[in-house]
């Protein structure tokens, strides 16, 4: 038998809850970016995307920006 349950979506959350969720995701992504290679960042991005979608959000996408120092 399928059990029904009620859960909160992002639209139902208090702004402090949303901020805490977003801050945690940002911290996890930042920490994962410190590892060499892309595996850790890709794994955290995928989990963060699923978490945000679970709460009714649009998801998470990471874009990397590389700035080169030309020694100017």
N, C-alpha and C. Protein backbone atom coordinates (compact mmCIF):
# COMPACT_ATOMS: atom_id res chain seq x y z
N UNK A 1 0.84 -1.17 0.00
CA UNK A 1 0.00 0.00 0.00
C UNK A 1 0.89 1.24 0.00
N UNK A 2 0.59 2.18 -0.89
CA UNK A 2 1.36 3.41 -0.99
C UNK A 2 0.93 4.36 0.12
N UNK A 3 1.92 4.80 0.89
CA UNK A 3 1.63 5.70 1.99
C UNK A 3 1.79 7.15 1.51
N UNK A 4 0.79 7.96 1.73
CA UNK A 4 0.85 9.36 1.35
C UNK A 4 1.39 10.18 2.52
N UNK A 5 2.14 11.20 2.19
CA UNK A 5 2.66 12.08 3.22
C UNK A 5 2.68 13.50 2.69
N UNK A 6 2.63 14.45 3.58
CA UNK A 6 2.67 15.85 3.21
C UNK A 6 4.06 16.38 3.53
N UNK A 7 4.64 17.08 2.59
CA UNK A 7 5.95 17.66 2.82
C UNK A 7 5.92 19.13 2.41
N UNK A 8 6.84 19.88 2.96
CA UNK A 8 6.96 21.29 2.63
C UNK A 8 7.71 21.46 1.33
N UNK A 9 7.29 22.42 0.56
CA UNK A 9 8.03 22.82 -0.62
C UNK A 9 8.75 24.12 -0.32
N UNK A 10 9.62 24.53 -1.22
CA UNK A 10 10.36 25.77 -1.02
C UNK A 10 9.41 26.94 -0.83
N UNK A 11 8.29 26.95 -1.55
CA UNK A 11 7.33 28.05 -1.43
C UNK A 11 6.68 28.10 -0.05
N UNK A 12 6.68 26.96 0.66
CA UNK A 12 6.06 26.88 1.99
C UNK A 12 7.06 27.15 3.12
N UNK A 13 8.33 27.18 2.81
CA UNK A 13 9.36 27.33 3.83
C UNK A 13 9.49 28.77 4.28
N UNK A 14 9.96 28.92 5.50
CA UNK A 14 10.30 30.23 6.04
C UNK A 14 11.57 30.70 5.32
N UNK A 15 11.71 31.99 5.06
CA UNK A 15 12.91 32.50 4.38
C UNK A 15 14.22 32.07 5.04
N UNK A 16 14.23 31.93 6.36
CA UNK A 16 15.45 31.48 7.05
C UNK A 16 15.78 30.04 6.70
N UNK A 17 14.75 29.20 6.51
CA UNK A 17 14.98 27.81 6.12
C UNK A 17 15.56 27.75 4.71
N UNK A 18 15.03 28.55 3.82
CA UNK A 18 15.52 28.58 2.44
C UNK A 18 16.97 29.05 2.42
N UNK A 19 17.25 30.11 3.17
CA UNK A 19 18.61 30.63 3.23
C UNK A 19 19.58 29.59 3.78
N UNK A 20 19.18 28.86 4.81
CA UNK A 20 20.04 27.82 5.39
C UNK A 20 20.30 26.71 4.38
N UNK A 21 19.27 26.30 3.66
CA UNK A 21 19.41 25.26 2.65
C UNK A 21 20.37 25.70 1.55
N UNK A 22 20.17 26.90 1.04
CA UNK A 22 21.02 27.42 -0.03
C UNK A 22 22.46 27.62 0.45
N UNK A 23 22.63 28.12 1.67
CA UNK A 23 23.98 28.28 2.22
C UNK A 23 24.69 26.94 2.37
N UNK A 24 23.97 25.93 2.82
CA UNK A 24 24.56 24.61 2.97
C UNK A 24 24.98 24.04 1.62
N UNK A 25 24.12 24.18 0.64
CA UNK A 25 24.44 23.69 -0.71
C UNK A 25 25.66 24.44 -1.25
N UNK A 26 25.68 25.75 -1.07
CA UNK A 26 26.83 26.53 -1.53
C UNK A 26 28.13 26.11 -0.87
N UNK A 27 28.07 25.87 0.44
CA UNK A 27 29.27 25.42 1.17
C UNK A 27 29.73 24.06 0.67
N UNK A 28 28.79 23.14 0.46
CA UNK A 28 29.15 21.80 -0.02
C UNK A 28 29.78 21.87 -1.41
N UNK A 29 29.21 22.70 -2.28
CA UNK A 29 29.77 22.86 -3.63
C UNK A 29 31.16 23.50 -3.57
N UNK A 30 31.33 24.49 -2.71
CA UNK A 30 32.62 25.14 -2.57
C UNK A 30 33.68 24.16 -2.07
N UNK A 31 33.32 23.36 -1.08
CA UNK A 31 34.27 22.38 -0.55
C UNK A 31 34.62 21.33 -1.61
N UNK A 32 33.62 20.88 -2.36
CA UNK A 32 33.86 19.88 -3.39
C UNK A 32 34.76 20.43 -4.49
N UNK A 33 34.67 21.73 -4.73
CA UNK A 33 35.50 22.32 -5.79
C UNK A 33 36.97 22.38 -5.41
N UNK A 34 37.28 22.19 -4.14
CA UNK A 34 38.67 22.24 -3.67
C UNK A 34 39.45 20.97 -4.01
N UNK A 35 38.74 19.89 -4.34
CA UNK A 35 39.39 18.63 -4.68
C UNK A 35 39.87 18.66 -6.12
N UNK A 36 40.97 17.98 -6.38
CA UNK A 36 41.45 17.85 -7.76
C UNK A 36 40.50 16.95 -8.54
N UNK A 37 40.35 17.24 -9.79
CA UNK A 37 39.43 16.47 -10.62
C UNK A 37 38.01 16.98 -10.43
N UNK A 38 37.13 16.48 -11.25
CA UNK A 38 35.75 16.98 -11.24
C UNK A 38 34.77 16.04 -10.55
N UNK A 39 35.22 14.86 -10.14
CA UNK A 39 34.31 13.84 -9.61
C UNK A 39 33.54 14.32 -8.37
N UNK A 40 34.23 14.91 -7.40
CA UNK A 40 33.57 15.34 -6.16
C UNK A 40 32.56 16.44 -6.45
N UNK A 41 32.95 17.42 -7.27
CA UNK A 41 32.05 18.52 -7.59
C UNK A 41 30.82 18.02 -8.35
N UNK A 42 31.02 17.13 -9.29
CA UNK A 42 29.89 16.58 -10.05
C UNK A 42 28.94 15.81 -9.14
N UNK A 43 29.49 15.05 -8.19
CA UNK A 43 28.67 14.28 -7.27
C UNK A 43 27.84 15.21 -6.37
N UNK A 44 28.46 16.24 -5.82
CA UNK A 44 27.74 17.18 -4.96
C UNK A 44 26.72 17.96 -5.77
N UNK A 45 27.07 18.35 -6.98
CA UNK A 45 26.12 19.07 -7.83
C UNK A 45 24.88 18.22 -8.10
N UNK A 46 25.07 16.96 -8.40
CA UNK A 46 23.94 16.06 -8.67
C UNK A 46 23.05 15.90 -7.43
N UNK A 47 23.66 15.70 -6.28
CA UNK A 47 22.88 15.55 -5.05
C UNK A 47 22.15 16.85 -4.69
N UNK A 48 22.83 17.98 -4.84
CA UNK A 48 22.19 19.28 -4.56
C UNK A 48 21.03 19.52 -5.51
N UNK A 49 21.21 19.17 -6.77
CA UNK A 49 20.15 19.33 -7.76
C UNK A 49 18.93 18.50 -7.37
N UNK A 50 19.15 17.25 -6.99
CA UNK A 50 18.04 16.39 -6.58
C UNK A 50 17.35 16.91 -5.32
N UNK A 51 18.13 17.42 -4.37
CA UNK A 51 17.57 17.95 -3.13
C UNK A 51 16.67 19.15 -3.41
N UNK A 52 17.15 20.09 -4.21
CA UNK A 52 16.36 21.29 -4.52
C UNK A 52 15.09 20.90 -5.28
N UNK A 53 15.21 19.97 -6.22
CA UNK A 53 14.03 19.52 -6.97
C UNK A 53 13.03 18.80 -6.05
N UNK A 54 13.53 18.07 -5.07
CA UNK A 54 12.67 17.38 -4.12
C UNK A 54 11.77 18.37 -3.37
N UNK A 55 12.29 19.56 -3.11
CA UNK A 55 11.52 20.59 -2.43
C UNK A 55 10.77 21.50 -3.39
N UNK A 56 10.73 21.14 -4.67
CA UNK A 56 9.94 21.89 -5.64
C UNK A 56 10.67 23.01 -6.34
N UNK A 57 11.97 23.07 -6.18
CA UNK A 57 12.75 24.10 -6.86
C UNK A 57 13.12 23.69 -8.27
N UNK A 58 13.83 24.56 -8.96
CA UNK A 58 14.22 24.31 -10.34
C UNK A 58 15.49 23.48 -10.47
N UNK A 59 16.21 23.28 -9.40
CA UNK A 59 17.43 22.50 -9.45
C UNK A 59 18.67 23.35 -9.27
N UNK A 60 19.83 22.71 -9.43
CA UNK A 60 21.12 23.35 -9.25
C UNK A 60 21.99 23.04 -10.46
N UNK A 61 22.67 24.06 -10.95
CA UNK A 61 23.63 23.86 -12.04
C UNK A 61 24.88 24.66 -11.70
N UNK A 62 26.03 24.01 -11.82
CA UNK A 62 27.30 24.65 -11.51
C UNK A 62 27.97 25.06 -12.81
N UNK A 63 28.42 26.31 -12.85
CA UNK A 63 29.21 26.80 -13.97
C UNK A 63 30.57 27.21 -13.43
N UNK A 64 31.62 26.74 -14.07
CA UNK A 64 32.97 27.08 -13.64
C UNK A 64 33.49 28.23 -14.48
N UNK A 65 34.10 29.18 -13.82
CA UNK A 65 34.71 30.31 -14.50
C UNK A 65 36.19 30.28 -14.18
N UNK A 66 37.01 30.23 -15.20
CA UNK A 66 38.46 30.19 -15.02
C UNK A 66 39.03 31.53 -15.43
N UNK A 67 39.76 32.14 -14.52
CA UNK A 67 40.42 33.40 -14.81
C UNK A 67 41.92 33.13 -14.86
N UNK A 68 42.52 33.51 -15.97
CA UNK A 68 43.95 33.32 -16.15
C UNK A 68 44.70 34.58 -15.77
N UNK A 69 45.77 34.41 -15.01
CA UNK A 69 46.62 35.54 -14.64
C UNK A 69 47.72 35.64 -15.68
N UNK A 70 47.67 36.72 -16.45
CA UNK A 70 48.66 36.91 -17.51
C UNK A 70 49.89 37.64 -17.04
N UNK A 71 49.98 37.90 -15.74
CA UNK A 71 51.15 38.57 -15.18
C UNK A 71 51.26 40.03 -15.56
N UNK A 72 50.15 40.66 -15.85
CA UNK A 72 50.16 42.07 -16.24
C UNK A 72 50.42 42.96 -15.06
